[in-house]
Protein backbone atom coordinates (compact mmCIF):
# COMPACT_ATOMS: atom_id res chain seq x y z
CA MET A 1 0.00 0.00 0.00
CA SER A 2 1.37 3.41 -0.97
CA LEU A 3 1.42 6.00 1.80
CA MET A 4 1.26 9.78 1.40
CA HIS A 5 2.52 12.59 3.57
CA ILE A 6 0.12 15.36 4.59
CA GLY A 7 1.19 17.72 1.80
CA ASP A 8 0.57 15.09 -0.88
CA LEU A 9 -2.81 14.19 0.59
CA ALA A 10 -3.79 17.86 0.86
CA GLN A 11 -2.85 18.49 -2.75
CA ARG A 12 -4.79 15.48 -3.99
CA ALA A 13 -7.83 16.44 -1.89
CA GLY A 14 -7.64 20.10 -2.89
CA ILE A 15 -7.55 21.35 0.69
CA ALA A 16 -4.96 22.86 3.00
CA PRO A 17 -2.85 20.64 5.25
CA SER A 18 -4.20 22.64 8.18
CA ALA A 19 -7.72 21.41 7.29
CA ILE A 20 -6.51 17.82 7.50
CA ARG A 21 -4.96 18.46 10.92
CA TYR A 22 -8.20 20.16 12.01
CA TYR A 23 -10.31 17.20 10.84
CA GLU A 24 -8.01 14.86 12.76
CA LYS A 25 -8.34 16.96 15.91
CA ALA A 26 -12.14 17.13 15.45
CA GLY A 27 -12.33 13.34 15.22
CA LEU A 28 -13.37 13.18 11.57
CA LEU A 29 -10.17 11.44 10.48
CA PRO A 30 -8.43 8.61 12.29
CA VAL A 31 -5.04 9.34 13.79
CA PRO A 32 -2.55 8.51 11.05
CA SER A 33 0.50 6.36 11.44
CA ARG A 34 3.80 8.21 11.60
CA LYS A 35 7.24 7.59 10.29
CA SER A 36 10.05 9.78 11.59
CA GLY A 37 7.36 12.00 13.13
CA ARG A 38 5.61 12.64 9.80
CA ARG A 39 2.01 11.69 9.26
CA GLN A 40 1.41 8.97 6.69
CA TYR A 41 -1.94 8.40 5.02
CA GLY A 42 -3.37 5.65 2.88
CA ILE A 43 -5.55 6.28 -0.15
CA GLU A 44 -8.64 5.52 1.98
CA THR A 45 -8.07 8.83 3.77
CA LEU A 46 -8.67 10.62 0.49
CA GLY A 47 -12.07 8.91 0.28
CA ARG A 48 -12.85 9.98 3.84
CA LEU A 49 -11.92 13.58 2.99
CA ARG A 50 -14.27 13.49 0.00
CA ILE A 51 -17.15 12.28 2.21
CA ILE A 52 -16.37 15.04 4.71
CA GLN A 53 -16.46 17.59 1.89
CA VAL A 54 -19.83 16.29 0.64
CA ALA A 55 -21.24 16.62 4.16
CA ARG A 56 -19.80 20.11 4.56
CA ASP A 57 -21.15 21.15 1.13
CA ALA A 58 -24.59 19.95 2.27
CA GLY A 59 -24.35 22.31 5.24
CA PHE A 60 -23.56 19.82 7.96
CA SER A 61 -21.50 21.10 10.87
CA ILE A 62 -18.34 19.38 12.06
CA GLU A 63 -20.34 17.75 14.86
CA GLU A 64 -23.07 16.55 12.47
CA THR A 65 -20.40 15.20 10.13
CA ARG A 66 -18.76 13.36 13.03
CA ILE A 67 -22.15 11.83 13.90
CA PHE A 68 -22.61 10.74 10.27
CA LEU A 69 -19.17 9.13 10.19
CA SER A 70 -19.00 7.52 13.60
CA GLY A 71 -22.11 8.30 15.64
CA PHE A 72 -24.22 5.42 14.39
CA SER A 73 -24.01 1.69 14.86
CA SER A 74 -21.81 0.13 12.19
CA THR A 75 -24.85 -1.92 11.15
CA ILE A 76 -26.67 1.21 9.95
CA PRO A 77 -25.81 1.83 6.29
CA PRO A 78 -24.59 5.26 5.17
CA ALA A 79 -27.80 6.01 3.22
CA ALA A 80 -29.94 5.55 6.35
CA ARG A 81 -27.55 7.74 8.34
CA TRP A 82 -27.69 10.41 5.66
CA ARG A 83 -31.50 10.36 5.51
CA GLN A 84 -31.82 10.72 9.27
CA LEU A 85 -29.45 13.67 9.42
CA ALA A 86 -30.88 15.20 6.24
CA VAL A 87 -34.41 15.35 7.66
CA ARG A 88 -33.19 17.46 10.58
CA LYS A 89 -30.96 19.61 8.37
CA LEU A 90 -33.81 20.28 5.90
CA GLU A 91 -36.04 21.41 8.79
CA GLU A 92 -33.25 23.70 9.96
CA PHE A 93 -32.87 25.10 6.44
CA GLN A 94 -36.61 25.73 6.17
CA THR A 95 -36.51 27.77 9.38
CA THR A 96 -33.52 29.70 8.06
CA ILE A 97 -35.23 30.30 4.71
CA LEU A 98 -38.31 31.73 6.45
CA ARG A 99 -36.11 33.99 8.57
CA ILE A 100 -34.22 35.19 5.50
CA GLU A 101 -37.48 35.88 3.66
CA ARG A 102 -38.66 38.02 6.61
CA MET A 103 -35.33 39.85 6.66
CA LYS A 104 -35.55 40.44 2.91
CA ALA A 105 -39.09 41.81 3.22
CA VAL A 106 -37.96 44.24 5.92
CA LEU A 107 -35.01 45.39 3.84
CA GLU A 108 -37.13 45.85 0.73
CA SER A 109 -39.97 47.71 2.40
CA SER A 110 -38.70 49.57 5.43
CA PHE A 111 -36.47 51.97 3.61
CA LYS A 112 -39.23 53.41 1.46
CA CYS A 113 -40.38 55.66 4.27
CA GLU A 114 -40.59 59.40 3.86
CA CYS A 115 -39.94 60.27 7.49
CA LEU A 116 -37.89 63.39 8.07
CA GLY A 117 -36.32 62.15 11.29
CA ILE A 118 -35.70 58.95 13.18
CA GLU A 119 -38.31 59.96 15.74
CA ASP A 120 -40.93 59.98 12.97
CA CYS A 121 -39.85 56.44 12.00
CA GLU A 122 -40.09 55.33 15.62
CA ARG A 123 -43.65 56.66 15.87
CA ALA A 124 -44.64 55.13 12.53
CA ILE A 125 -43.25 51.72 13.47
CA LEU A 126 -44.99 51.88 16.83
CA GLU A 127 -48.29 52.69 15.10
CA LEU A 128 -47.81 49.90 12.54
CA SER A 129 -47.12 47.39 15.27
CA GLY A 130 -50.35 48.43 16.94
CA ASN A 131 -48.41 49.23 20.07
CA ARG A 132 -48.49 45.47 20.75
CA GLN A 133 -45.52 45.41 23.05
CA THR A 134 -45.41 47.55 26.13
CA PRO A 135 -41.92 48.40 27.32
CA ARG A 136 -41.06 46.66 30.58
CA GLN A 137 -40.43 48.83 33.58
CA PRO A 138 -37.33 48.06 35.59
CA SER A 139 -38.14 46.25 38.80
CA ARG A 140 -37.45 47.99 42.08
CA ARG A 141 -36.18 46.02 45.03
C-alpha cells in the first residue's frame, strides 16, 4: 500500500494541510501512522476527505459530520444515516429560509419611508405594530 505525507494528501484532496490536521483533531479522520514524526496516510483517507467535503457542502457542521461518520451503529448503512441527518438539516434550512425571507421583506420595504427624522420612524413603526408590546419597567427592590 502506498502512503502519502500530509502535503501530498492535501494536494490530492484540494484542501490545505491545516484542514486535514483540524479534521483529525475534530475526530473526523483517524489518527494517522507516523514515520520519523511525519504523518502517513493511505488512499482511503482521500475517500474519507471526499465524504467530509460532501457533508460540509450539504451544510452539515463538524459535529453533524462526526455523527454521520461515527455516531451510528456500524450496522446502519450510510444512506440511512444520511436520511436521518438530512431530515433534521432540511427542517433547519426551512426555518432559516423563512427567517431570511422576513429579513428580505424588511429590507425591501422599510427603507421606502418618507420620514424626516428617526423619531418619525419610531412613531410610525410603533403605530404599525399596533403598540403590541409595552416596554417593561425596571423592577425595584
